[in-house]
């Protein structure tokens, strides 16, 4: 569990938590920030603190609930719930859109429930279904059908049974594997957690599937028939580790293909460039693709300070500029007087890229062309990436030419949606492309996006995450 979380700490920096099960009891440890280093001298202490032979863990950054330290602590997973002798613990990845409706339902059953984050709501919703007398699979199916959003869930019930399930669209990743001796079984968001433990990957859970680990292996059951798969396309461009595997292909290979695609789509820009530079580290693999396709030298003159680990677009506005400035070091003598192609995974607010382009200009870059692997983001994400309003997205009301002027680039060249889809080996109907097409896989998210976009274009100032605002005063009801 420990090394599995360490391998996935890129998926959440704000908090971490471990939970184990032993003889009918849950044992929990939670704290803020990154998963800490584990000192050999403290291992015995941890084994006493977290006894048992089954457990779950989580690393998190906030896309639901408040962002102050107290709220982050309350929202740190794994979550537990108990009533009438039924116990549950869950670790959740994703984001629920219909949280207000769910909150009403949960508080009717449990009046003392106050947790504002969706992971606690999911845990208690499953508990409610189990309390109604349903068997476990039927209870999970009811949860799947009642939630609008993305949810990959692993958990432990009161009997120590280790389970996992995915939402009916499979928006977030979740795979399963086992140890070489066949005695240990695991679920993980990314294959890197299996790799670090020397485990064998068995399968990626299907949308709407429930899997239970037993001493003989995995018991799998498809609860939602013929679901429409909508895997998050942003995983390929930014979120997942480059050495993670989805459907048999490493993420870094897909990102290299992204770079090749942009060269093919913007040949005139390539002809005018001298070198390729990457925004480390998610821009590194596309830079290799640009280099291979164009023949331009990939100049490794942009370096990331390894221990400045914050992800810029997750930070608060007042923290973002200084963090970006400190995070990336530009080796000025290598780019002075050069026409530079810069590879970047995405442009969300534009803050990160603007700072880097300013640094390149100060270092003497003659021209700066930005090659962006993820197509222009025009709408919010409802499913677990914290870009949740139109107002914070530079691409929601600016085209590529306007964005270039705002961030100081000579041109901004986005990979086409068709190129992205082709490189992933998925079809349009197998990916969630909501933030770049405006077409969302779940109905409530689509309704919210449409209504808020209309208001935004009329000059309405959003007051926070769309799915948490419930802004009835402005005629927006969901």
Protein backbone atom coordinates (compact mmCIF):
# COMPACT_ATOMS: atom_id res chain seq x y z
CA UNK A 1 0.00 0.00 0.00
CA UNK A 2 2.73 2.42 0.99
CA UNK A 3 4.81 2.06 -2.15
CA UNK A 4 1.69 1.98 -4.29
CA UNK A 5 0.69 5.40 -2.99
CA UNK A 6 4.22 6.75 -3.33
CA UNK A 7 4.14 5.73 -6.98
CA UNK A 8 0.90 7.68 -7.47
CA UNK A 9 1.58 10.77 -5.41
CA UNK A 10 1.31 12.83 -8.62
CA UNK A 11 -2.44 12.21 -8.49
CA UNK A 12 -2.85 14.15 -5.23
CA UNK A 13 -0.54 16.34 -3.18
CA UNK A 14 -2.84 17.77 -0.53
CA UNK A 15 -3.37 14.75 1.70
CA UNK A 16 -2.80 11.04 2.07
CA UNK A 17 -4.39 8.25 4.09
CA UNK A 18 -4.05 4.55 4.90
CA UNK A 19 -6.68 2.17 6.27
CA UNK A 20 -6.38 -1.49 7.23
CA UNK A 21 -8.87 -4.13 8.36
CA UNK A 22 -8.21 -6.66 11.11
CA UNK A 23 -10.70 -8.84 13.01
CA UNK A 24 -13.72 -6.69 12.20
CA UNK A 25 -12.05 -3.34 12.94
CA UNK A 26 -10.74 -0.53 10.75
CA UNK A 27 -7.43 1.15 11.59
CA UNK A 28 -6.77 4.55 10.00
CA UNK A 29 -3.88 6.97 9.55
CA UNK A 30 -4.38 10.28 7.69
CA UNK A 31 -2.28 13.39 7.24
CA UNK A 32 -1.73 16.39 4.97
CA UNK A 33 0.78 16.82 2.13
CA UNK A 34 2.80 14.17 0.29
CA UNK A 35 3.14 10.57 1.42
CA UNK A 36 6.11 10.77 3.83
CA UNK A 37 9.34 8.83 3.63
CA UNK A 38 9.16 5.61 5.59
CA UNK A 39 12.10 5.17 7.94
CA UNK A 40 13.19 1.55 8.46
CA UNK A 41 13.31 2.15 12.20
CA UNK A 42 9.60 3.04 12.17
CA UNK A 43 8.29 0.05 10.22
CA UNK A 44 7.38 -1.95 13.33
CA UNK A 45 5.50 1.05 14.72
CA UNK A 46 3.49 1.28 11.48
CA UNK A 47 2.68 -2.43 11.56
CA UNK A 48 1.26 -1.99 15.06
CA UNK A 49 -0.65 1.13 14.06
CA UNK A 50 -2.11 -0.49 10.91
CA UNK A 51 -2.56 -4.23 11.56
CA UNK A 52 -4.22 -6.70 9.21
CA UNK A 53 -3.69 -8.24 5.80
CA UNK A 54 -6.05 -6.09 3.71
CA UNK A 55 -6.02 -2.34 3.33
CA UNK A 56 -6.69 0.67 1.10
CA UNK A 57 -5.04 4.05 0.64
CA UNK A 58 -5.57 7.37 -1.08
CA UNK A 59 -3.80 10.53 -2.17
CA UNK A 60 -6.04 13.51 -2.90
CA UNK A 61 -6.34 16.97 -4.23
CA UNK A 62 -9.58 18.82 -3.73
CA UNK A 63 -12.25 19.02 -6.43
CA UNK A 64 -15.14 18.86 -3.98
CA UNK A 65 -15.57 20.78 -0.74
CA UNK A 66 -13.53 23.65 0.68
CA UNK A 67 -9.74 24.03 0.42
CA UNK A 68 -8.84 25.24 3.91
CA UNK A 69 -6.73 22.88 6.04
CA UNK A 70 -9.62 21.79 8.27
CA UNK A 71 -11.81 20.90 5.28
CA UNK A 72 -8.94 19.08 3.57
CA UNK A 73 -8.37 17.05 6.73
CA UNK A 74 -12.09 16.18 6.90
CA UNK A 75 -12.03 15.17 3.24
CA UNK A 76 -8.88 13.05 3.49
CA UNK A 77 -9.54 9.48 2.47
CA UNK A 78 -10.14 6.60 2.98
CA UNK A 79 -13.66 7.31 4.29
CA UNK A 80 -15.56 5.10 6.72
CA UNK A 81 -19.23 4.73 7.58
CA UNK A 82 -21.12 2.50 10.02
CA UNK A 83 -24.75 1.94 10.95
CA UNK A 84 -26.82 -0.95 12.33
CA UNK A 85 -23.80 -3.24 12.42
CA UNK A 86 -22.85 -2.55 8.78
CA UNK A 87 -19.38 -1.11 8.23
CA UNK A 88 -17.69 0.27 5.11
CA UNK A 89 -14.43 1.91 4.13
CA UNK A 90 -13.82 3.37 0.66
CA UNK A 91 -11.12 5.13 -1.32
CA UNK A 92 -12.51 7.16 -4.19
CA UNK A 93 -11.10 8.80 -7.32
CA UNK A 94 -13.27 11.10 -9.40
CA UNK A 95 -15.91 13.72 -8.78
CA UNK A 96 -19.67 13.59 -8.24
CA UNK A 97 -21.87 16.17 -9.95
CA UNK A 98 -25.17 15.67 -8.11
CA UNK A 99 -23.66 16.27 -4.67
CA UNK A 100 -26.50 18.50 -3.46
CA UNK A 101 -29.16 15.87 -4.14
CA UNK A 102 -26.91 13.23 -2.58
CA UNK A 103 -26.30 15.38 0.50
CA UNK A 104 -30.05 15.68 1.08
CA UNK A 105 -30.49 11.92 0.81
CA UNK A 106 -27.59 11.13 3.15
CA UNK A 107 -28.55 13.69 5.81
CA UNK A 108 -32.11 12.36 5.87
CA UNK A 109 -30.70 8.99 6.90
CA UNK A 110 -27.80 10.35 8.97
CA UNK A 111 -28.70 13.81 10.37
CA UNK A 112 -25.27 14.26 11.96
CA UNK A 113 -23.41 13.84 8.65
CA UNK A 114 -21.53 17.07 7.81
CA UNK A 115 -18.71 16.11 5.40
CA UNK A 116 -18.98 18.34 2.33
CA UNK A 117 -16.78 16.25 0.00
CA UNK A 118 -18.14 13.69 -2.41
CA UNK A 119 -16.06 10.75 -1.17
CA UNK A 120 -17.95 10.77 2.14
CA UNK A 121 -21.24 10.97 0.29
CA UNK A 122 -20.38 7.96 -1.89
CA UNK A 123 -19.42 5.90 1.15
CA UNK A 124 -22.64 6.74 2.99
CA UNK A 125 -24.80 6.24 -0.11
CA UNK A 126 -23.47 2.69 -0.41
CA UNK A 127 -24.15 2.16 3.30
CA UNK A 128 -27.77 3.32 2.82
CA UNK A 129 -28.26 0.83 0.00
CA UNK A 130 -26.83 -2.00 2.11
CA UNK A 131 -29.05 -1.03 5.06
CA UNK A 132 -32.10 -1.38 2.81
CA UNK A 133 -31.44 -5.12 2.67
CA UNK A 134 -29.90 -5.38 -0.79
CA UNK A 135 -27.11 -7.82 -1.49
CA UNK A 136 -23.73 -6.25 -2.14
CA UNK A 137 -23.84 -6.31 -5.96
CA UNK A 138 -27.35 -4.86 -6.02
CA UNK A 139 -26.33 -2.12 -3.60
CA UNK A 140 -23.32 -1.18 -5.76
CA UNK A 141 -25.52 -1.15 -8.88
CA UNK A 142 -27.96 1.22 -7.17
CA UNK A 143 -25.06 3.51 -6.31
CA UNK A 144 -23.83 3.42 -9.91
CA UNK A 145 -27.26 4.37 -11.23
CA UNK A 146 -27.86 7.15 -8.70
CA UNK A 147 -24.60 9.07 -9.15
CA UNK A 148 -23.84 11.54 -11.94
CA UNK A 149 -20.10 11.87 -12.36
CA UNK A 150 -16.86 9.95 -12.34
CA UNK A 151 -16.06 7.41 -9.67
CA UNK A 152 -13.50 4.66 -9.43
CA UNK A 153 -13.93 3.15 -5.97
CA UNK A 154 -12.06 0.56 -3.94
CA UNK A 155 -13.20 -0.49 -0.50
CA UNK A 156 -13.47 -2.97 2.33
CA UNK A 157 -16.71 -4.09 3.96
CA UNK A 158 -17.28 -5.20 7.54
CA UNK A 159 -16.34 -8.79 6.70
CA UNK A 160 -12.97 -7.73 5.32
CA UNK A 161 -14.03 -8.27 1.71
CA UNK A 162 -11.88 -6.23 -0.73
CA UNK A 163 -13.84 -4.78 -3.66
CA UNK A 164 -13.64 -2.25 -6.49
CA UNK A 165 -16.07 -0.74 -8.98
CA UNK A 166 -16.18 1.84 -11.76
CA UNK A 167 -18.83 4.30 -12.89
CA UNK A 168 -20.90 3.31 -15.96
CA UNK A 169 -18.66 5.41 -18.25
CA UNK A 170 -15.30 4.35 -16.82
CA UNK A 171 -14.11 7.94 -16.74
CA UNK A 172 -11.26 7.40 -14.30
CA UNK A 173 -8.67 4.59 -14.53
CA UNK A 174 -8.71 1.55 -12.25
CA UNK A 175 -6.75 -1.64 -12.83
CA UNK A 176 -6.17 -4.91 -10.98
CA UNK A 177 -3.14 -7.11 -10.51
CA UNK A 178 -1.47 -9.75 -8.36
CA UNK A 179 1.89 -10.61 -6.85
CA UNK A 180 4.09 -13.18 -8.64
CA UNK A 181 3.40 -15.79 -5.96
CA UNK A 182 -0.36 -15.34 -6.43
CA UNK A 183 -0.98 -14.59 -2.75
CA UNK A 184 -1.58 -10.82 -2.88
CA UNK A 185 -4.13 -8.95 -4.99
CA UNK A 186 -4.35 -5.24 -5.67
CA UNK A 187 -6.46 -2.51 -7.27
CA UNK A 188 -4.81 0.69 -8.42
CA UNK A 189 -5.57 3.84 -10.40
CA UNK A 190 -2.41 3.35 -12.46
CA UNK A 191 -0.22 0.39 -13.34
CA UNK A 192 2.80 2.14 -11.79
CA UNK A 193 1.62 1.04 -8.34
CA UNK A 194 1.70 -2.56 -9.51
CA UNK A 195 5.10 -2.07 -11.15
CA UNK A 196 6.77 -0.65 -8.04
CA UNK A 197 5.67 -3.72 -6.09
CA UNK A 198 6.68 -6.18 -8.81
CA UNK A 199 3.04 -7.15 -9.39
CA UNK A 200 1.50 -8.47 -12.61
CA UNK A 201 -1.28 -6.41 -14.23
CA UNK A 202 -4.38 -8.55 -14.81
CA UNK A 203 -7.00 -6.21 -16.28
CA UNK A 204 -8.48 -2.72 -16.41
CA UNK A 205 -11.94 -2.66 -14.83
CA UNK A 206 -14.71 -2.13 -17.36
CA UNK A 207 -17.21 0.70 -17.02
CA UNK A 208 -20.00 -0.41 -14.69
CA UNK A 209 -18.03 -3.41 -13.41
CA UNK A 210 -17.70 -4.71 -9.85
CA UNK A 211 -14.63 -6.79 -8.93
CA UNK A 212 -14.00 -8.57 -5.65
CA UNK A 213 -10.62 -9.99 -4.62
CA UNK A 214 -10.72 -13.48 -3.12
CA UNK A 215 -7.99 -15.89 -2.08
CA UNK A 216 -8.47 -17.59 -5.47
CA UNK A 217 -8.28 -14.43 -7.56
CA UNK A 218 -10.74 -11.82 -8.82
CA UNK A 219 -14.46 -12.34 -9.08
CA UNK A 220 -15.82 -9.99 -11.76
CA UNK A 221 -19.41 -8.96 -12.43
CA UNK A 222 -20.71 -6.54 -15.07
CA UNK A 223 -23.51 -4.63 -13.32
CA UNK A 224 -24.35 -2.11 -16.05
CA UNK A 225 -24.96 -3.67 -19.44
CA UNK A 226 -23.64 -2.03 -22.62
CA UNK A 227 -22.32 1.13 -20.98
CA UNK A 228 -20.95 3.99 -23.08
CA UNK A 229 -17.23 4.18 -22.30
CA UNK A 230 -15.91 7.74 -21.79
CA UNK A 231 -12.34 7.52 -20.48
CA UNK A 232 -10.81 10.86 -19.50
CA UNK A 233 -8.68 12.12 -22.41
CA UNK A 234 -6.75 14.42 -20.05
CA UNK A 235 -5.15 11.35 -18.46
CA UNK A 236 -3.19 10.83 -21.70
CA UNK A 237 -2.00 14.44 -22.01
CA UNK A 238 -1.27 15.39 -18.42
CA UNK A 239 -2.52 13.51 -15.42
CA UNK A 240 -1.17 9.97 -15.68
CA UNK A 241 2.48 9.10 -15.23
CA UNK A 242 4.29 8.56 -18.55
CA UNK A 243 5.20 4.98 -17.57
CA UNK A 244 1.59 4.04 -16.81
CA UNK A 245 -0.14 1.67 -19.21
CA UNK A 246 -3.68 1.98 -20.53
CA UNK A 247 -4.98 -0.81 -22.77
CA UNK A 248 -1.49 -2.16 -23.34
CA UNK A 249 0.11 1.12 -24.44
CA UNK A 250 2.42 3.28 -22.35
CA UNK A 251 1.31 6.87 -21.85
CA UNK A 252 4.70 8.23 -22.95
CA UNK A 253 4.31 6.53 -26.34
CA UNK A 254 0.98 8.29 -26.84
CA UNK A 255 2.49 11.63 -25.85
CA UNK A 256 5.30 11.18 -28.35
CA UNK A 257 2.68 10.58 -31.02
CA UNK A 258 0.99 13.82 -29.95
CA UNK A 259 4.23 15.64 -30.78
CA UNK A 260 4.46 13.99 -34.21
CA UNK A 261 0.87 14.98 -34.92
CA UNK A 262 1.47 18.68 -34.25
CA UNK A 263 4.48 18.72 -36.59
CA UNK A 264 2.28 17.29 -39.35
CA UNK A 265 -0.50 19.77 -38.58
CA UNK A 266 1.72 22.90 -38.53
CA UNK A 267 4.52 22.34 -41.10
CA UNK A 268 5.09 26.06 -41.81
CA UNK A 269 5.79 26.79 -38.14
CA UNK A 270 8.25 23.89 -38.04
CA UNK A 271 10.14 25.29 -41.04
CA UNK A 272 10.62 28.60 -39.20
CA UNK A 273 11.99 27.03 -36.00
CA UNK A 274 15.56 26.32 -34.90
CA UNK A 275 15.13 24.11 -31.83
CA UNK A 276 12.55 22.32 -29.69
CA UNK A 277 12.21 23.03 -25.97
CA UNK A 278 9.86 21.29 -23.54
CA UNK A 279 7.95 22.43 -20.48
CA UNK A 280 9.12 19.69 -18.12
CA UNK A 281 8.03 17.06 -17.44
CA UNK A 282 4.78 16.39 -19.30
CA UNK A 283 6.14 18.32 -22.28
CA UNK A 284 9.22 16.07 -22.56
CA UNK A 285 7.61 13.15 -24.38
CA UNK A 286 5.86 15.35 -26.96
CA UNK A 287 9.19 17.13 -27.51
CA UNK A 288 10.73 13.78 -28.45
CA UNK A 289 7.93 13.26 -30.96
CA UNK A 290 8.45 16.74 -32.44
CA UNK A 291 12.20 16.11 -32.66
CA UNK A 292 11.77 12.73 -34.37
CA UNK A 293 9.17 13.97 -36.88
CA UNK A 294 10.80 17.32 -37.69
CA UNK A 295 14.51 16.60 -37.31
CA UNK A 296 14.89 19.70 -35.13
CA UNK A 297 17.24 19.42 -32.18
CA UNK A 298 15.55 18.92 -28.83
CA UNK A 299 17.52 21.33 -26.69
CA UNK A 300 17.27 20.26 -23.05
CA UNK A 301 17.58 23.85 -21.84
CA UNK A 302 14.48 23.86 -19.64
CA UNK A 303 14.87 21.98 -16.39
CA UNK A 304 12.49 21.33 -13.54
CA UNK A 305 13.52 21.76 -9.93
CA UNK A 306 12.78 18.26 -8.68
CA UNK A 307 11.68 19.16 -5.17
CA UNK A 308 9.31 21.96 -6.13
CA UNK A 309 6.47 19.46 -6.50
CA UNK A 310 3.32 21.58 -6.57
CA UNK A 311 1.15 21.31 -9.67
CA UNK A 312 0.61 24.87 -10.87
CA UNK A 313 -2.99 24.73 -12.06
CA UNK A 314 -4.08 23.18 -8.75
CA UNK A 315 -2.68 26.10 -6.73
CA UNK A 316 -4.47 29.23 -5.61
CA UNK A 317 -3.98 32.28 -7.84
CA UNK A 318 -1.63 34.08 -5.45
CA UNK A 319 0.61 31.00 -5.14
CA UNK A 320 0.79 30.10 -8.81
CA UNK A 321 3.16 32.70 -10.30
CA UNK A 322 5.96 32.36 -7.78
CA UNK A 323 5.76 28.56 -7.85
CA UNK A 324 5.98 28.42 -11.65
CA UNK A 325 8.86 30.88 -11.69
CA UNK A 326 10.81 28.74 -9.21
CA UNK A 327 9.78 25.40 -10.67
CA UNK A 328 11.30 25.73 -14.17
CA UNK A 329 14.87 26.86 -14.86
CA UNK A 330 15.73 28.17 -18.35
CA UNK A 331 19.35 27.88 -19.54
CA UNK A 332 19.42 31.20 -21.34
CA UNK A 333 22.63 30.85 -23.34
CA UNK A 334 21.18 27.82 -25.14
CA UNK A 335 18.19 29.66 -26.57
CA UNK A 336 19.54 33.18 -27.07
CA UNK A 337 18.76 34.31 -30.63
CA UNK A 338 16.89 31.09 -31.45
CA UNK A 339 13.41 30.53 -32.86
CA UNK A 340 11.97 28.08 -30.34
CA UNK A 341 9.15 25.55 -30.41
CA UNK A 342 7.97 24.90 -26.85
CA UNK A 343 5.98 21.73 -26.17
CA UNK A 344 3.33 21.96 -23.45
CA UNK A 345 0.71 19.45 -22.34
CA UNK A 346 -2.18 21.90 -22.03
CA UNK A 347 -3.17 25.51 -21.49
CA UNK A 348 -5.76 25.85 -18.72
CA UNK A 349 -5.58 29.35 -17.27
CA UNK A 350 -2.51 30.39 -19.25
CA UNK A 351 -0.57 31.40 -16.13
CA UNK A 352 2.07 28.67 -16.32
CA UNK A 353 2.81 29.20 -19.98
CA UNK A 354 2.89 32.98 -19.73
CA UNK A 355 5.57 32.88 -17.04
CA UNK A 356 7.71 30.44 -19.04
CA UNK A 357 7.40 32.50 -22.23
CA UNK A 358 8.42 35.62 -20.29
CA UNK A 359 11.51 33.76 -19.09
CA UNK A 360 12.32 32.67 -22.65
CA UNK A 361 11.99 36.24 -23.94
CA UNK A 362 14.27 37.53 -21.20
CA UNK A 363 16.79 34.86 -22.18
CA UNK A 364 16.86 36.16 -25.74
CA UNK A 365 14.53 33.83 -27.64
CA UNK A 366 13.93 35.35 -31.08
CA UNK A 367 10.55 33.67 -31.56
CA UNK A 368 8.45 31.41 -29.33
CA UNK A 369 5.96 28.96 -30.86
CA UNK A 370 3.85 26.99 -28.40
CA UNK A 371 2.90 23.41 -29.40
CA UNK A 372 0.07 22.22 -27.12
CA UNK A 373 -0.76 18.52 -27.10
CA UNK A 374 -4.22 18.82 -25.52
CA UNK A 375 -6.73 20.65 -27.73
CA UNK A 376 -8.09 24.04 -26.60
CA UNK A 377 -10.04 23.66 -23.35
CA UNK A 378 -13.36 25.44 -23.81
CA UNK A 379 -15.42 24.14 -20.89
CA UNK A 380 -15.15 23.06 -17.26
CA UNK A 381 -14.41 19.56 -16.00
CA UNK A 382 -17.01 17.92 -13.78
CA UNK A 383 -15.15 14.68 -13.24
CA UNK A 384 -12.07 15.27 -11.09
CA UNK A 385 -9.82 17.90 -12.68
CA UNK A 386 -10.07 21.22 -10.83
CA UNK A 387 -10.90 23.46 -13.79
CA UNK A 388 -14.52 23.88 -12.93
CA UNK A 389 -15.67 27.31 -14.22
CA UNK A 390 -15.69 28.99 -17.62
CA UNK A 391 -14.15 32.17 -16.21
CA UNK A 392 -10.88 30.49 -15.20
CA UNK A 393 -10.34 28.89 -18.63
CA UNK A 394 -8.45 31.09 -21.08
CA UNK A 395 -9.76 29.00 -23.98
CA UNK A 396 -13.44 29.38 -23.09
CA UNK A 397 -13.70 32.81 -24.75
CA UNK A 398 -10.39 33.22 -26.63
CA UNK A 399 -9.18 31.52 -29.81
CA UNK A 400 -5.60 30.41 -30.44
CA UNK A 401 -4.54 33.74 -31.95
CA UNK A 402 -5.94 35.71 -29.01
CA UNK A 403 -4.34 33.34 -26.51
CA UNK A 404 -0.97 33.80 -28.23
CA UNK A 405 -1.21 37.57 -27.69
CA UNK A 406 -2.25 37.18 -24.04
CA UNK A 407 0.58 34.81 -23.11
CA UNK A 408 3.22 36.46 -25.33
CA UNK A 409 3.78 33.68 -27.89
CA UNK A 410 4.30 34.18 -31.61
CA UNK A 411 1.77 31.40 -32.20
CA UNK A 412 -0.16 28.82 -30.21
CA UNK A 413 -0.59 25.55 -32.10
CA UNK A 414 -3.04 23.06 -30.59
CA UNK A 415 -3.13 19.42 -31.57
CA UNK A 416 -6.43 18.65 -33.30
CA UNK A 417 -9.07 16.60 -31.51
CA UNK A 418 -8.85 14.06 -34.33
CA UNK A 419 -5.10 13.71 -33.82
CA UNK A 420 -5.50 13.21 -30.08
CA UNK A 421 -8.18 10.56 -30.49
CA UNK A 422 -6.19 8.69 -33.14
CA UNK A 423 -3.04 8.61 -31.00
CA UNK A 424 -4.85 7.11 -28.01
CA UNK A 425 -6.12 4.12 -30.03
CA UNK A 426 -9.60 4.97 -28.74
CA UNK A 427 -12.64 6.15 -30.66
CA UNK A 428 -14.49 9.44 -30.17
CA UNK A 429 -17.24 7.47 -28.46
CA UNK A 430 -14.78 5.88 -26.01
CA UNK A 431 -13.30 9.10 -24.55
CA UNK A 432 -14.59 11.90 -22.36
CA UNK A 433 -13.84 15.02 -24.42
CA UNK A 434 -16.27 17.28 -22.58
CA UNK A 435 -13.81 20.05 -21.76
CA UNK A 436 -12.70 20.39 -25.40
CA UNK A 437 -16.00 19.71 -27.21
CA UNK A 438 -18.69 20.84 -24.76
CA UNK A 439 -20.29 17.37 -25.02
CA UNK A 440 -20.34 15.60 -21.64
CA UNK A 441 -21.08 11.90 -21.04
CA UNK A 442 -23.43 12.39 -18.05
CA UNK A 443 -26.76 14.26 -18.25
CA UNK A 444 -26.55 16.55 -15.23
CA UNK A 445 -23.05 17.70 -16.15
CA UNK A 446 -24.30 18.55 -19.65
CA UNK A 447 -27.25 20.49 -18.27
CA UNK A 448 -25.06 22.46 -15.86
CA UNK A 449 -22.45 23.22 -18.51
CA UNK A 450 -25.05 24.48 -20.98
CA UNK A 451 -26.86 26.68 -18.49
CA UNK A 452 -23.71 28.17 -17.00
CA UNK A 453 -22.18 28.83 -20.42
CA UNK A 454 -25.25 30.79 -21.42
CA UNK A 455 -25.02 32.86 -18.24
CA UNK A 456 -21.25 33.30 -18.61
CA UNK A 457 -21.61 34.66 -22.14
CA UNK A 458 -24.16 37.14 -20.77
CA UNK A 459 -21.57 38.46 -18.32
CA UNK A 460 -22.49 36.45 -15.23
CA UNK A 461 -19.61 36.02 -12.78
CA UNK A 462 -19.37 32.45 -11.52
CA UNK A 463 -19.12 32.12 -7.74
CA UNK A 464 -17.27 28.81 -7.55
CA UNK A 465 -17.41 25.29 -8.91
CA UNK A 466 -20.48 24.96 -11.08
CA UNK A 467 -21.61 21.70 -9.50
CA UNK A 468 -21.38 23.16 -5.98
CA UNK A 469 -22.96 26.58 -6.57
CA UNK A 470 -26.67 25.70 -6.81
CA UNK A 471 -27.26 29.27 -7.94
CA UNK A 472 -31.07 29.42 -7.89
CA UNK A 473 -31.08 33.20 -7.55
CA UNK A 474 -29.82 33.53 -11.11
CA UNK A 475 -32.29 31.11 -12.61
CA UNK A 476 -29.88 28.20 -12.69
CA UNK A 477 -31.47 25.16 -11.15
CA UNK A 478 -30.21 21.59 -10.96
